[in-house]
Amino acid sequence: MVLEKISKRGVRKFIGIGPVIASYITALSKTTSERPTISCYSSTADFLEHASLNQFKDEYILLKGARVFSFERISQWLEQKVHQTVMEVNLTAMVHNLKAYQQFLKPTTKLMAMVKAFSYGSGSAEVARVLQFHKIDYLAVAYADEGVELRKAGISLPIMVMNVDEAGFDAMIQFDLEPEIYSINIYRSFHLFLQNQGIQQYPVHIKFNTGMNRLGFEINEAYDLAVHLKEKGTMVVKSVLSHLVGSENPLLDGFTEQQVHAFTTACDVLSEQLHYSFIRHIANSAGIFRHPGYQFDMVRLGIGLYGVDSAETHQLVLQPVATLKSTIAQIRTVAAGETVGYNRSGVVQHESRIATIRIGYADGYDRRFGNGTGQMIVRSQRAPVIGNVCMDMTMIDITHIPDVMEGDEVEIFGHQMPIQQLAKAAGTIPYEIMTSVSQRVKRVYVEE
């Protein structure tokens, strides 16, 4: 049964560790015609001694086992053998954050999770699987191709696509994705597409502009839109939404109230004309906590899911989900008066030990972190960046940190270097830091 299940999921290799599982695998393999390649090792140490890295190529690797097997040693071994910059995504921390927000929700309030932009850099499919397992109600992506990726990964939750254009209409229908309709032009285009396909009552989400002035119908367009929806019949409204401008900012609470009032007005107009109910949602991560009265029927959880309290309330006990880390490629002693990096921008004031780290702006480590703006954690101490950030490498000053060796791990952001501090140093926001991490950086998923 085990081998049959993993074969159906497309697993190509199965490695068993320990004498007990080896005996089971031997028996099971005789009863399964189509099965993955199987190998067994007596212990974790046996695997590390005899396994070859060459057997892994273009593959996702799932490590699953009791703590007694110390599989983290295998994870460390894999990281050391390849490009040594990794984004570690703690799925247990993500579930913790999900529950931290859920405790503020009414029992009837639904939850939509934002998994756009590669799930804020954390990996869309992997994050979506965890959220689906924990029975959230909706997922939201920015573009249709992100939704297609999730469907191909086996995600069956309803998916709202926030930025829709005509090029994505076919994919929307083929992969059962639900578009956000935000203008009369998009409405007309999608209506004609559905009409030509002979499709009626296709689920859509209507967005109103209540002050963001980005996407959305104006409030005074609500009545005409409702008439069109009722007369044409090609679409059925699953939800109506809007976007709060500054739900995290107490100074903007008055404007938030204005937005909610406008949103309620638009919803009431649609409801009166359509004569059926739909989901209403306007609250985002900060709004869930700071404006509990505006939960309506559903809330949208974004950056908070990944451990960042955008409202900085310090009352939500969130855990960082992503840890970006790399290793030291080389250490050298640089004499006083010499320089480090391009354009001789990093001037050494006194003899210093300089470490070169395997991360650069091509990995998403922004050039703004150069010349002392950024810091990295080495042996639990902060080391400033010296010189400009290069494409694939960054240099840091480790003169004040004893016993540092080539190959040592370096934390770019995570538990010891909060991403909020890193963003503040660069004059930006955690969203940008997280979503900038290149997809060439491996994602390693951890469950505790």
Protein backbone atom coordinates (compact mmCIF):
# COMPACT_ATOMS: atom_id res chain seq x y z
CA MET A 1 0.00 0.00 0.00
CA VAL A 2 2.81 2.44 0.87
CA LEU A 3 4.65 1.89 -2.40
CA GLU A 4 1.43 2.05 -4.40
CA LYS A 5 0.54 5.42 -2.87
CA ILE A 6 3.93 7.01 -3.44
CA SER A 7 4.05 5.63 -6.97
CA LYS A 8 0.73 7.31 -7.75
CA ARG A 9 2.15 10.59 -6.41
CA GLY A 10 5.00 10.42 -8.91
CA VAL A 11 7.75 9.54 -6.42
CA ARG A 12 10.74 8.23 -8.36
CA LYS A 13 13.04 7.23 -5.50
CA PHE A 14 12.39 5.74 -2.08
CA ILE A 15 15.24 5.49 0.44
CA GLY A 16 14.53 3.60 3.64
CA ILE A 17 16.72 4.02 6.70
CA GLY A 18 16.72 1.53 9.55
CA PRO A 19 16.39 -2.28 9.71
CA VAL A 20 12.63 -2.29 10.34
CA ILE A 21 11.62 -0.32 7.26
CA ALA A 22 14.09 -2.31 5.17
CA SER A 23 12.25 -5.54 6.01
CA TYR A 24 8.87 -3.99 5.14
CA ILE A 25 10.15 -2.61 1.83
CA THR A 26 11.59 -5.98 0.84
CA ALA A 27 8.20 -7.61 1.36
CA LEU A 28 6.17 -4.85 -0.25
CA SER A 29 8.30 -4.54 -3.35
CA LYS A 30 7.35 -8.06 -4.44
CA THR A 31 3.66 -7.10 -4.64
CA THR A 32 4.01 -3.86 -6.57
CA SER A 33 4.52 -3.87 -10.34
CA GLU A 34 5.08 -0.13 -10.82
CA ARG A 35 7.21 1.25 -8.07
CA PRO A 36 9.96 3.80 -7.47
CA THR A 37 13.64 2.96 -7.31
CA ILE A 38 14.25 1.59 -3.82
CA SER A 39 17.38 1.54 -1.69
CA CYS A 40 17.84 0.89 2.02
CA TYR A 41 20.48 1.76 4.60
CA SER A 42 20.88 0.39 8.09
CA SER A 43 21.25 3.82 9.70
CA THR A 44 21.65 7.53 8.98
CA ALA A 45 25.40 7.15 9.40
CA ASP A 46 25.39 4.31 6.87
CA PHE A 47 23.56 6.51 4.36
CA LEU A 48 25.94 9.44 4.85
CA GLU A 49 28.95 7.18 4.41
CA HIS A 50 27.82 5.31 1.29
CA ALA A 51 25.22 7.43 -0.54
CA SER A 52 26.26 9.39 -3.61
CA LEU A 53 25.02 12.90 -4.33
CA ASN A 54 25.03 12.06 -8.04
CA GLN A 55 21.84 10.04 -7.61
CA PHE A 56 19.88 13.28 -7.03
CA LYS A 57 19.18 15.56 -9.99
CA ASP A 58 16.33 18.04 -10.52
CA GLU A 59 14.33 16.50 -7.69
CA TYR A 60 12.38 17.52 -4.61
CA ILE A 61 13.59 15.57 -1.59
CA LEU A 62 11.27 14.89 1.35
CA LEU A 63 12.93 13.86 4.61
CA LYS A 64 10.45 12.19 6.94
CA GLY A 65 11.28 10.25 10.08
CA ALA A 66 11.39 10.20 13.87
CA ARG A 67 13.89 12.45 15.65
CA VAL A 68 15.91 9.41 16.72
CA PHE A 69 17.11 9.05 13.11
CA SER A 70 18.62 12.60 13.09
CA PHE A 71 17.58 13.27 9.50
CA GLU A 72 18.71 16.88 9.93
CA ARG A 73 22.21 15.51 9.35
CA ILE A 74 21.08 14.41 5.89
CA SER A 75 19.61 17.85 5.21
CA GLN A 76 22.88 19.50 6.22
CA TRP A 77 24.84 17.04 4.05
CA LEU A 78 22.68 17.83 1.02
CA GLU A 79 23.06 21.58 1.54
CA GLN A 80 26.83 21.33 1.83
CA LYS A 81 27.16 19.35 -1.38
CA VAL A 82 25.46 21.84 -3.71
CA HIS A 83 25.08 25.62 -4.12
CA GLN A 84 25.16 26.48 -0.48
CA THR A 85 22.68 29.31 -0.25
CA VAL A 86 19.29 28.03 0.90
CA MET A 87 15.97 29.37 2.08
CA GLU A 88 14.74 27.20 4.93
CA VAL A 89 10.95 27.31 5.21
CA ASN A 90 9.59 26.14 8.55
CA LEU A 91 6.11 24.80 7.83
CA THR A 92 5.48 24.16 11.53
CA ALA A 93 6.05 27.86 12.22
CA MET A 94 3.64 28.70 9.41
CA VAL A 95 0.91 26.56 10.97
CA HIS A 96 1.61 28.26 14.32
CA ASN A 97 1.11 31.68 12.69
CA LEU A 98 -2.07 30.50 11.00
CA LYS A 99 -3.50 29.45 14.35
CA ALA A 100 -2.34 32.71 15.97
CA TYR A 101 -4.57 34.65 13.58
CA GLN A 102 -7.42 32.15 13.64
CA GLN A 103 -7.89 32.75 17.35
CA PHE A 104 -9.07 36.28 16.51
CA LEU A 105 -11.66 35.09 14.00
CA LYS A 106 -15.32 34.48 14.66
CA PRO A 107 -16.34 30.82 14.22
CA THR A 108 -18.16 31.66 10.98
CA THR A 109 -15.40 33.78 9.42
CA LYS A 110 -13.71 32.18 6.43
CA LEU A 111 -10.01 32.56 5.69
CA MET A 112 -8.29 33.24 2.38
CA ALA A 113 -4.50 32.79 2.27
CA MET A 114 -2.34 34.81 -0.08
CA VAL A 115 0.12 32.59 -1.94
CA LYS A 116 1.02 35.04 -4.68
CA ALA A 117 4.62 35.86 -5.67
CA PHE A 118 5.82 32.29 -5.05
CA SER A 119 4.14 32.47 -1.62
CA TYR A 120 6.18 35.53 -0.67
CA GLY A 121 9.27 33.67 -1.79
CA SER A 122 8.53 30.56 0.27
CA GLY A 123 7.34 28.25 -2.53
CA SER A 124 3.73 28.24 -3.67
CA ALA A 125 2.89 24.55 -4.01
CA GLU A 126 4.51 23.44 -0.77
CA VAL A 127 2.86 26.20 1.24
CA ALA A 128 -0.51 25.58 -0.43
CA ARG A 129 -0.40 21.88 0.46
CA VAL A 130 0.04 22.74 4.14
CA LEU A 131 -2.80 25.26 4.04
CA GLN A 132 -5.07 22.82 2.25
CA PHE A 133 -4.33 20.18 4.88
CA HIS A 134 -5.33 22.66 7.59
CA LYS A 135 -8.63 23.31 5.81
CA ILE A 136 -8.49 27.00 5.02
CA ASP A 137 -11.25 28.18 2.69
CA TYR A 138 -9.58 29.97 -0.22
CA LEU A 139 -6.24 30.69 -1.85
CA ALA A 140 -5.36 33.85 -3.76
CA VAL A 141 -2.69 34.31 -6.42
CA ALA A 142 -1.67 37.33 -8.49
CA TYR A 143 -1.73 35.78 -11.97
CA ALA A 144 -3.37 32.84 -13.70
CA ASP A 145 -0.10 30.98 -14.26
CA GLU A 146 0.43 30.87 -10.49
CA GLY A 147 -2.97 29.23 -10.12
CA VAL A 148 -2.18 26.76 -12.90
CA GLU A 149 1.00 25.74 -11.06
CA LEU A 150 -1.03 25.01 -7.93
CA ARG A 151 -3.61 22.95 -9.81
CA LYS A 152 -0.85 20.90 -11.44
CA ALA A 153 0.58 20.32 -7.96
CA GLY A 154 -2.71 18.77 -6.84
CA ILE A 155 -4.25 21.74 -5.01
CA SER A 156 -8.06 21.52 -5.08
CA LEU A 157 -8.99 24.55 -2.93
CA PRO A 158 -10.86 27.41 -4.61
CA ILE A 159 -8.31 29.84 -6.06
CA MET A 160 -8.96 33.53 -6.71
CA VAL A 161 -6.78 35.22 -9.36
CA MET A 162 -6.27 38.89 -8.54
CA ASN A 163 -4.77 40.31 -11.74
CA VAL A 164 -6.69 39.03 -14.74
CA ASP A 165 -6.21 39.73 -18.43
CA GLU A 166 -7.57 38.23 -21.64
CA ALA A 167 -4.48 36.11 -22.21
CA GLY A 168 -5.30 34.13 -19.08
CA PHE A 169 -9.00 33.43 -19.74
CA ASP A 170 -8.44 29.99 -21.28
CA ALA A 171 -6.30 28.87 -18.35
CA MET A 172 -8.90 30.18 -15.89
CA ILE A 173 -11.55 27.90 -17.33
CA GLN A 174 -9.30 24.91 -17.94
CA PHE A 175 -7.93 24.90 -14.39
CA ASP A 176 -11.05 26.03 -12.52
CA LEU A 177 -9.65 29.37 -11.38
CA GLU A 178 -11.86 32.25 -10.24
CA PRO A 179 -11.01 35.72 -11.61
CA GLU A 180 -11.17 38.99 -9.77
CA ILE A 181 -13.23 41.34 -11.95
CA TYR A 182 -12.08 44.90 -11.26
CA SER A 183 -13.22 47.04 -14.20
CA ILE A 184 -15.99 47.27 -16.75
CA ASN A 185 -13.52 46.47 -19.54
CA ILE A 186 -12.41 43.24 -17.86
CA TYR A 187 -16.05 42.40 -17.17
CA ARG A 188 -17.02 42.85 -20.82
CA SER A 189 -14.04 40.88 -22.10
CA PHE A 190 -14.69 37.97 -19.77
CA HIS A 191 -18.42 38.04 -20.50
CA LEU A 192 -17.79 37.77 -24.25
CA PHE A 193 -15.31 34.96 -23.67
CA LEU A 194 -17.80 33.01 -21.53
CA GLN A 195 -20.60 33.68 -23.98
CA ASN A 196 -18.53 32.33 -26.87
CA GLN A 197 -17.74 29.25 -24.81
CA GLY A 198 -21.40 28.75 -23.90
CA ILE A 199 -20.61 29.06 -20.19
CA GLN A 200 -23.13 30.36 -17.65
CA GLN A 201 -22.80 31.23 -13.96
CA TYR A 202 -18.99 31.16 -13.84
CA PRO A 203 -17.72 32.11 -10.34
CA VAL A 204 -16.07 35.53 -10.10
CA HIS A 205 -14.95 37.99 -7.42
CA ILE A 206 -15.86 41.67 -7.70
CA LYS A 207 -13.36 44.26 -6.47
CA PHE A 208 -14.25 47.83 -5.51
CA ASN A 209 -11.86 50.73 -5.15
CA THR A 210 -12.43 52.34 -1.77
CA GLY A 211 -9.29 54.47 -1.59
CA MET A 212 -6.31 52.44 -2.76
CA ASN A 213 -6.80 53.80 -6.30
CA ARG A 214 -5.09 50.79 -7.84
CA LEU A 215 -7.66 48.29 -9.14
CA GLY A 216 -11.41 48.11 -8.67
CA PHE A 217 -14.80 49.43 -9.72
CA GLU A 218 -15.81 52.81 -8.34
CA ILE A 219 -18.59 52.71 -5.77
CA ASN A 220 -20.95 54.58 -8.10
CA GLU A 221 -20.56 51.80 -10.69
CA ALA A 222 -22.09 49.19 -8.37
CA TYR A 223 -25.68 49.54 -9.61
CA ASP A 224 -24.88 49.34 -13.33
CA LEU A 225 -22.56 46.40 -12.70
CA ALA A 226 -25.29 44.58 -10.80
CA VAL A 227 -27.71 45.11 -13.67
CA HIS A 228 -25.19 43.70 -16.16
CA LEU A 229 -24.47 40.68 -13.98
CA LYS A 230 -28.17 39.94 -13.54
CA GLU A 231 -29.11 40.39 -17.19
CA LYS A 232 -26.19 38.56 -18.82
CA GLY A 233 -26.03 35.57 -16.49
CA THR A 234 -22.57 34.43 -17.57
CA MET A 235 -21.11 35.06 -14.11
CA VAL A 236 -22.10 34.47 -10.52
CA VAL A 237 -20.54 36.55 -7.76
CA LYS A 238 -18.72 34.39 -5.22
CA SER A 239 -17.30 37.32 -3.27
CA VAL A 240 -16.97 41.09 -3.16
CA LEU A 241 -13.76 42.61 -1.84
CA SER A 242 -11.74 45.75 -1.40
CA HIS A 243 -8.24 46.59 -0.17
CA LEU A 244 -7.45 48.56 2.99
CA VAL A 245 -4.79 51.22 2.52
CA GLY A 246 -3.35 51.37 6.04
CA SER A 247 -5.01 48.92 8.40
CA GLU A 248 -1.74 48.62 10.34
CA ASN A 249 -1.47 52.38 10.98
CA PRO A 250 -3.44 53.90 13.90
CA LEU A 251 -3.15 57.33 12.26
CA LEU A 252 -5.21 56.02 9.33
CA ASP A 253 -8.01 54.43 11.36
CA GLY A 254 -10.39 57.19 10.30
CA PHE A 255 -9.67 56.51 6.65
CA THR A 256 -10.07 52.78 7.24
CA GLU A 257 -13.57 53.49 8.56
CA GLN A 258 -14.34 55.51 5.43
CA GLN A 259 -13.18 52.63 3.26
CA VAL A 260 -15.33 50.13 5.13
CA HIS A 261 -18.37 52.40 4.84
CA ALA A 262 -17.87 52.73 1.07
CA PHE A 263 -17.34 48.98 0.77
CA THR A 264 -20.53 48.23 2.68
CA THR A 265 -22.46 50.61 0.44
CA ALA A 266 -21.26 48.84 -2.71
CA CYS A 267 -22.01 45.40 -1.26
CA ASP A 268 -25.53 46.47 -0.30
CA VAL A 269 -26.24 47.75 -3.82
CA LEU A 270 -25.08 44.49 -5.38
CA SER A 271 -27.00 42.39 -2.89
CA GLU A 272 -30.24 44.31 -3.45
CA GLN A 273 -30.03 43.85 -7.21
CA LEU A 274 -28.70 40.29 -7.44
CA HIS A 275 -31.00 38.77 -4.82
CA TYR A 276 -28.42 36.21 -3.67
CA SER A 277 -25.72 36.18 -1.03
CA PHE A 278 -21.96 36.37 -1.56
CA ILE A 279 -18.85 36.46 0.60
CA ARG A 280 -17.64 39.91 1.69
CA HIS A 281 -14.00 40.55 2.63
CA ILE A 282 -11.79 43.57 3.19
CA ALA A 283 -9.52 42.79 6.18
CA ASN A 284 -5.88 41.82 5.59
CA SER A 285 -3.29 40.50 8.07
CA ALA A 286 -3.13 43.71 10.10
CA GLY A 287 -6.87 44.22 9.80
CA ILE A 288 -7.60 40.82 11.34
CA PHE A 289 -6.00 41.92 14.59
CA ARG A 290 -6.51 45.68 14.65
CA HIS A 291 -10.03 45.82 13.18
CA PRO A 292 -11.89 42.69 14.32
CA GLY A 293 -15.22 44.38 13.62
CA TYR A 294 -14.44 44.39 9.91
CA GLN A 295 -14.10 40.64 9.45
CA PHE A 296 -17.35 40.39 7.48
CA ASP A 297 -17.56 36.86 5.98
CA MET A 298 -13.89 36.26 5.21
CA VAL A 299 -10.43 37.72 5.86
CA ARG A 300 -7.25 37.59 3.79
CA LEU A 301 -4.08 36.45 5.51
CA GLY A 302 -0.85 37.42 3.75
CA ILE A 303 2.46 38.51 5.26
CA GLY A 304 1.33 37.53 8.77
CA LEU A 305 1.23 33.89 7.71
CA TYR A 306 4.97 34.12 7.08
CA GLY A 307 5.74 35.50 10.54
CA VAL A 308 5.76 39.25 9.95
CA ASP A 309 3.43 41.37 12.10
CA SER A 310 2.86 44.29 9.74
CA ALA A 311 1.00 46.18 12.46
CA GLU A 312 3.97 45.80 14.84
CA THR A 313 1.56 45.26 17.71
CA HIS A 314 3.95 42.91 19.54
CA GLN A 315 0.80 41.22 20.83
CA LEU A 316 0.80 38.51 18.20
CA VAL A 317 3.30 35.79 19.00
CA LEU A 318 4.42 34.99 15.47
CA GLN A 319 7.31 32.79 14.44
CA PRO A 320 9.59 33.53 11.47
CA VAL A 321 8.89 31.04 8.71
CA ALA A 322 11.78 31.74 6.36
CA THR A 323 15.49 31.63 7.17
CA LEU A 324 17.89 32.63 4.42
CA LYS A 325 21.36 31.28 4.99
CA SER A 326 24.60 30.68 3.14
CA THR A 327 28.19 29.62 3.85
CA ILE A 328 31.66 31.15 3.84
CA ALA A 329 33.57 30.38 0.65
CA GLN A 330 36.88 31.96 1.65
CA ILE A 331 38.52 33.94 4.46
CA ARG A 332 41.46 36.26 3.90
CA THR A 333 43.44 38.80 5.87
CA VAL A 334 43.42 42.25 4.28
CA ALA A 335 45.98 44.89 5.25
CA ALA A 336 45.10 48.40 6.39
CA GLY A 337 44.60 50.76 3.46
CA GLU A 338 43.57 48.03 1.02
CA THR A 339 40.07 47.86 -0.43
CA VAL A 340 37.39 45.19 -0.86
CA GLY A 341 35.12 44.74 -3.85
CA TYR A 342 34.21 46.69 -6.97
CA ASN A 343 35.18 50.37 -7.31
CA ARG A 344 37.38 50.02 -4.21
CA SER A 345 34.36 51.10 -2.18
CA GLY A 346 35.19 48.98 0.88
CA VAL A 347 38.21 50.65 2.49
CA VAL A 348 39.92 48.65 5.25
CA GLN A 349 40.94 50.93 8.12
CA HIS A 350 43.06 48.36 9.95
CA GLU A 351 44.19 44.81 9.28
CA SER A 352 40.99 42.79 8.99
CA ARG A 353 39.67 39.31 8.36
CA ILE A 354 37.26 39.36 5.44
CA ALA A 355 34.90 36.47 4.64
CA THR A 356 33.37 35.96 1.20
CA ILE A 357 29.79 34.64 1.38
CA ARG A 358 28.06 32.62 -1.33
CA ILE A 359 25.20 35.05 -1.93
CA GLY A 360 24.82 38.10 -4.14
CA TYR A 361 22.26 40.29 -5.80
CA ALA A 362 21.43 37.55 -8.33
CA ASP A 363 20.19 35.55 -5.32
CA GLY A 364 18.11 38.47 -4.09
CA TYR A 365 20.56 40.04 -1.65
CA ASP A 366 20.02 43.65 -2.62
CA ARG A 367 22.93 45.96 -3.50
CA ARG A 368 21.54 48.42 -0.95
CA PHE A 369 23.01 46.17 1.74
CA GLY A 370 26.54 47.01 0.61
CA ASN A 371 29.10 49.15 2.44
CA GLY A 372 27.95 48.49 5.99
CA THR A 373 24.19 48.84 5.49
CA GLY A 374 23.62 45.09 5.77
CA GLN A 375 24.81 42.66 8.42
CA MET A 376 24.95 38.88 8.57
CA ILE A 377 25.06 36.49 11.51
CA VAL A 378 28.23 34.43 11.94
CA ARG A 379 28.62 32.27 15.05
CA SER A 380 25.76 34.22 16.67
CA GLN A 381 27.46 37.58 16.12
CA ARG A 382 26.74 40.33 13.60
CA ALA A 383 29.24 40.96 10.82
CA PRO A 384 28.86 44.05 8.60
CA VAL A 385 28.98 43.92 4.81
CA ILE A 386 32.11 45.56 3.43
CA GLY A 387 32.26 46.87 -0.12
CA ASN A 388 29.58 46.51 -2.77
CA VAL A 389 27.37 43.44 -3.01
CA CYS A 390 28.49 41.42 -6.05
CA MET A 391 26.31 39.34 -8.37
CA ASP A 392 27.07 36.01 -6.69
CA MET A 393 29.16 36.92 -3.65
CA THR A 394 29.16 39.35 -0.72
CA MET A 395 32.04 40.17 1.61
CA ILE A 396 31.69 40.70 5.36
CA ASP A 397 34.11 41.82 8.07
CA ILE A 398 34.61 39.06 10.67
CA THR A 399 37.66 40.57 12.41
CA HIS A 400 35.87 40.76 15.76
CA ILE A 401 34.50 37.18 15.65
CA PRO A 402 36.91 34.45 16.80
CA ASP A 403 37.30 30.94 15.39
CA VAL A 404 35.40 31.54 12.14
CA MET A 405 36.24 28.95 9.49
CA GLU A 406 35.64 28.52 5.79
CA GLY A 407 32.42 26.55 5.32
CA ASP A 408 30.76 28.06 8.40
CA GLU A 409 27.06 28.83 8.10
CA VAL A 410 25.92 32.44 7.80
CA GLU A 411 22.38 33.69 8.47
CA ILE A 412 21.15 36.49 6.22
CA PHE A 413 17.73 36.72 7.84
CA GLY A 414 15.82 34.52 10.25
CA HIS A 415 15.65 34.08 14.02
CA GLN A 416 18.88 35.94 14.79
CA MET A 417 18.54 38.58 12.07
CA PRO A 418 14.84 39.52 11.89
CA ILE A 419 13.75 40.35 8.38
CA GLN A 420 12.08 43.51 9.70
CA GLN A 421 15.49 44.86 10.80
CA LEU A 422 17.05 43.99 7.47
CA ALA A 423 14.25 45.74 5.59
CA LYS A 424 14.48 48.83 7.78
CA ALA A 425 18.23 49.10 7.17
CA ALA A 426 17.63 49.10 3.42
CA GLY A 427 14.73 51.54 3.61
CA THR A 428 12.18 49.01 2.38
CA ILE A 429 9.61 46.52 3.70
CA PRO A 430 9.79 42.79 4.55
CA TYR A 431 7.55 41.98 1.54
CA GLU A 432 10.27 43.14 -0.85
CA ILE A 433 13.05 41.27 0.94
CA MET A 434 11.12 37.98 0.95
CA THR A 435 9.85 38.12 -2.61
CA SER A 436 13.27 39.15 -3.96
CA VAL A 437 14.95 35.87 -3.01
CA SER A 438 15.77 34.28 -6.36
CA GLN A 439 14.31 30.94 -7.36
CA ARG A 440 17.85 29.72 -7.97
CA VAL A 441 18.12 29.64 -4.17
CA LYS A 442 17.00 26.19 -2.99
CA ARG A 443 14.00 25.99 -0.70
CA VAL A 444 14.33 23.45 2.10
CA TYR A 445 11.05 22.65 3.90
CA VAL A 446 11.14 21.74 7.58
CA GLU A 447 8.45 20.29 9.83
CA GLU A 448 9.18 19.89 13.51
